[in-house]
């Protein structure tokens, strides 16, 4: 059975897409720690990042780097934090979170509540900055 992320890639479940190419996909986390919190995933399903072949792993990291630069520019944060947890969805995913302090990356923090319009505006702004 396809993961929820594969279903998002396939357009079966809506998302706020930031980026897509032949191998990778990025979209806003719908339960964000901060405005601009983005998930970057390979299109190929695997449940553990270190199971990825070298080319997929490297490509995922390069894609995350490109998207992190756009997030930083869009949100005017000091840094973009990166973490791989991977327990809640059995599909490799990287969290990119805008940070002004380390506390911004605490997953125990309350999640931000954003309107559909806010999500759409954030996604559009980040997407247009990807180089």
Protein backbone atom coordinates (compact mmCIF):
# COMPACT_ATOMS: atom_id res chain seq x y z
CA UNK A 1 0.00 0.00 0.00
CA UNK A 2 1.29 3.46 -0.91
CA UNK A 3 2.39 5.76 1.91
CA UNK A 4 0.55 9.01 2.55
CA UNK A 5 3.52 10.81 0.96
CA UNK A 6 3.28 8.73 -2.22
CA UNK A 7 -0.41 9.54 -2.32
CA UNK A 8 0.49 13.25 -2.02
CA UNK A 9 3.01 12.92 -4.87
CA UNK A 10 0.36 11.19 -6.99
CA UNK A 11 -2.14 14.00 -6.35
CA UNK A 12 -4.53 11.79 -4.39
CA UNK A 13 -4.13 13.97 -1.30
CA UNK A 14 -3.75 17.76 -1.60
CA UNK A 15 -0.66 19.56 -0.36
CA UNK A 16 1.06 22.93 -0.50
CA UNK A 17 3.75 21.99 -3.00
CA UNK A 18 7.05 23.84 -2.97
CA UNK A 19 9.04 21.82 -5.49
CA UNK A 20 8.96 18.78 -7.73
CA UNK A 21 11.32 17.16 -10.19
CA UNK A 22 11.63 13.61 -11.52
CA UNK A 23 13.00 12.20 -8.26
CA UNK A 24 12.11 14.53 -5.39
CA UNK A 25 9.12 16.39 -3.99
CA UNK A 26 8.80 19.10 -1.33
CA UNK A 27 5.73 20.48 0.40
CA UNK A 28 4.76 22.43 3.50
CA UNK A 29 4.21 20.46 6.69
CA UNK A 30 0.52 20.89 7.58
CA UNK A 31 1.42 20.84 11.29
CA UNK A 32 4.35 23.25 11.15
CA UNK A 33 6.72 24.17 13.94
CA UNK A 34 7.32 27.48 12.14
CA UNK A 35 5.96 29.21 9.05
CA UNK A 36 7.80 27.67 6.12
CA UNK A 37 8.37 24.24 7.75
CA UNK A 38 8.86 22.02 4.71
CA UNK A 39 9.18 18.28 4.07
CA UNK A 40 11.52 17.07 1.33
CA UNK A 41 11.08 13.50 0.13
CA UNK A 42 12.34 11.17 -2.54
CA UNK A 43 9.61 9.93 -4.84
CA UNK A 44 10.95 6.42 -4.41
CA UNK A 45 9.43 4.88 -1.28
CA UNK A 46 11.74 3.70 1.46
CA UNK A 47 11.18 3.94 5.19
CA UNK A 48 14.78 4.59 6.31
CA UNK A 49 17.10 7.27 4.97
CA UNK A 50 20.22 5.11 5.24
CA UNK A 51 18.62 2.44 3.04
CA UNK A 52 18.69 4.87 0.10
CA UNK A 53 21.23 4.20 -2.62
CA UNK A 54 24.02 6.77 -2.78
CA UNK A 55 22.63 8.64 -5.78
CA UNK A 56 19.16 9.03 -4.22
CA UNK A 57 20.60 10.03 -0.85
CA UNK A 58 22.93 12.62 -2.40
CA UNK A 59 20.18 13.98 -4.63
CA UNK A 60 17.83 14.28 -1.67
CA UNK A 61 20.41 16.26 0.28
CA UNK A 62 21.17 18.53 -2.67
CA UNK A 63 17.45 19.13 -3.15
CA UNK A 64 17.05 19.93 0.56
CA UNK A 65 19.97 22.38 0.35
CA UNK A 66 18.40 24.21 -2.58
CA UNK A 67 15.03 24.41 -0.83
CA UNK A 68 16.59 25.49 2.49
CA UNK A 69 18.18 28.48 0.73
CA UNK A 70 14.76 29.50 -0.59
CA UNK A 71 13.15 29.05 2.84
CA UNK A 72 15.86 31.17 4.48
CA UNK A 73 15.37 33.94 1.95
CA UNK A 74 11.58 33.76 2.17
CA UNK A 75 11.29 33.71 5.96
CA UNK A 76 14.30 35.89 6.77
CA UNK A 77 15.32 33.44 9.50
CA UNK A 78 18.85 33.08 10.88
CA UNK A 79 19.15 29.45 9.78
CA UNK A 80 17.15 26.57 8.44
CA UNK A 81 17.31 23.55 10.72
CA UNK A 82 17.28 20.06 9.31
CA UNK A 83 16.19 16.84 10.93
CA UNK A 84 15.27 13.33 9.90
CA UNK A 85 12.95 11.56 12.30
CA UNK A 86 11.08 9.18 10.06
CA UNK A 87 9.07 7.21 12.58
CA UNK A 88 5.61 8.66 11.96
CA UNK A 89 5.41 8.01 8.20
CA UNK A 90 7.23 5.04 6.62
CA UNK A 91 8.63 7.16 3.78
CA UNK A 92 11.97 8.97 4.00
CA UNK A 93 11.49 12.66 4.71
CA UNK A 94 13.64 15.57 5.75
CA UNK A 95 12.18 18.37 7.87
CA UNK A 96 13.46 21.85 7.02
CA UNK A 97 12.46 24.35 9.71
CA UNK A 98 13.16 28.10 9.73
CA UNK A 99 15.01 28.96 12.96
CA UNK A 100 15.93 32.05 14.90
CA UNK A 101 16.84 30.00 17.98
CA UNK A 102 17.28 26.31 18.76
CA UNK A 103 13.91 26.35 20.53
CA UNK A 104 12.26 26.77 17.12
CA UNK A 105 13.17 23.13 16.31
CA UNK A 106 11.57 21.53 19.36
CA UNK A 107 8.98 19.10 18.06
CA UNK A 108 7.29 19.24 21.47
CA UNK A 109 6.36 22.90 20.80
CA UNK A 110 2.76 23.67 19.89
CA UNK A 111 2.27 23.56 16.14
CA UNK A 112 1.39 26.73 14.24
CA UNK A 113 -2.16 27.07 13.02
CA UNK A 114 -2.31 28.67 9.59
CA UNK A 115 -5.15 29.36 7.22
CA UNK A 116 -5.32 27.85 3.74
CA UNK A 117 -4.48 31.29 2.36
CA UNK A 118 -1.41 31.59 4.60
CA UNK A 119 -0.17 28.15 3.54
CA UNK A 120 -0.73 29.03 -0.13
CA UNK A 121 1.12 32.34 0.20
CA UNK A 122 4.06 30.78 2.03
CA UNK A 123 4.33 27.93 -0.50
CA UNK A 124 4.21 30.33 -3.44
CA UNK A 125 6.82 32.62 -1.92
CA UNK A 126 9.28 29.81 -1.18
CA UNK A 127 8.68 28.14 -4.56
CA UNK A 128 9.48 31.30 -6.53
CA UNK A 129 12.84 31.61 -4.72
CA UNK A 130 14.12 28.12 -5.57
CA UNK A 131 17.10 28.32 -7.89
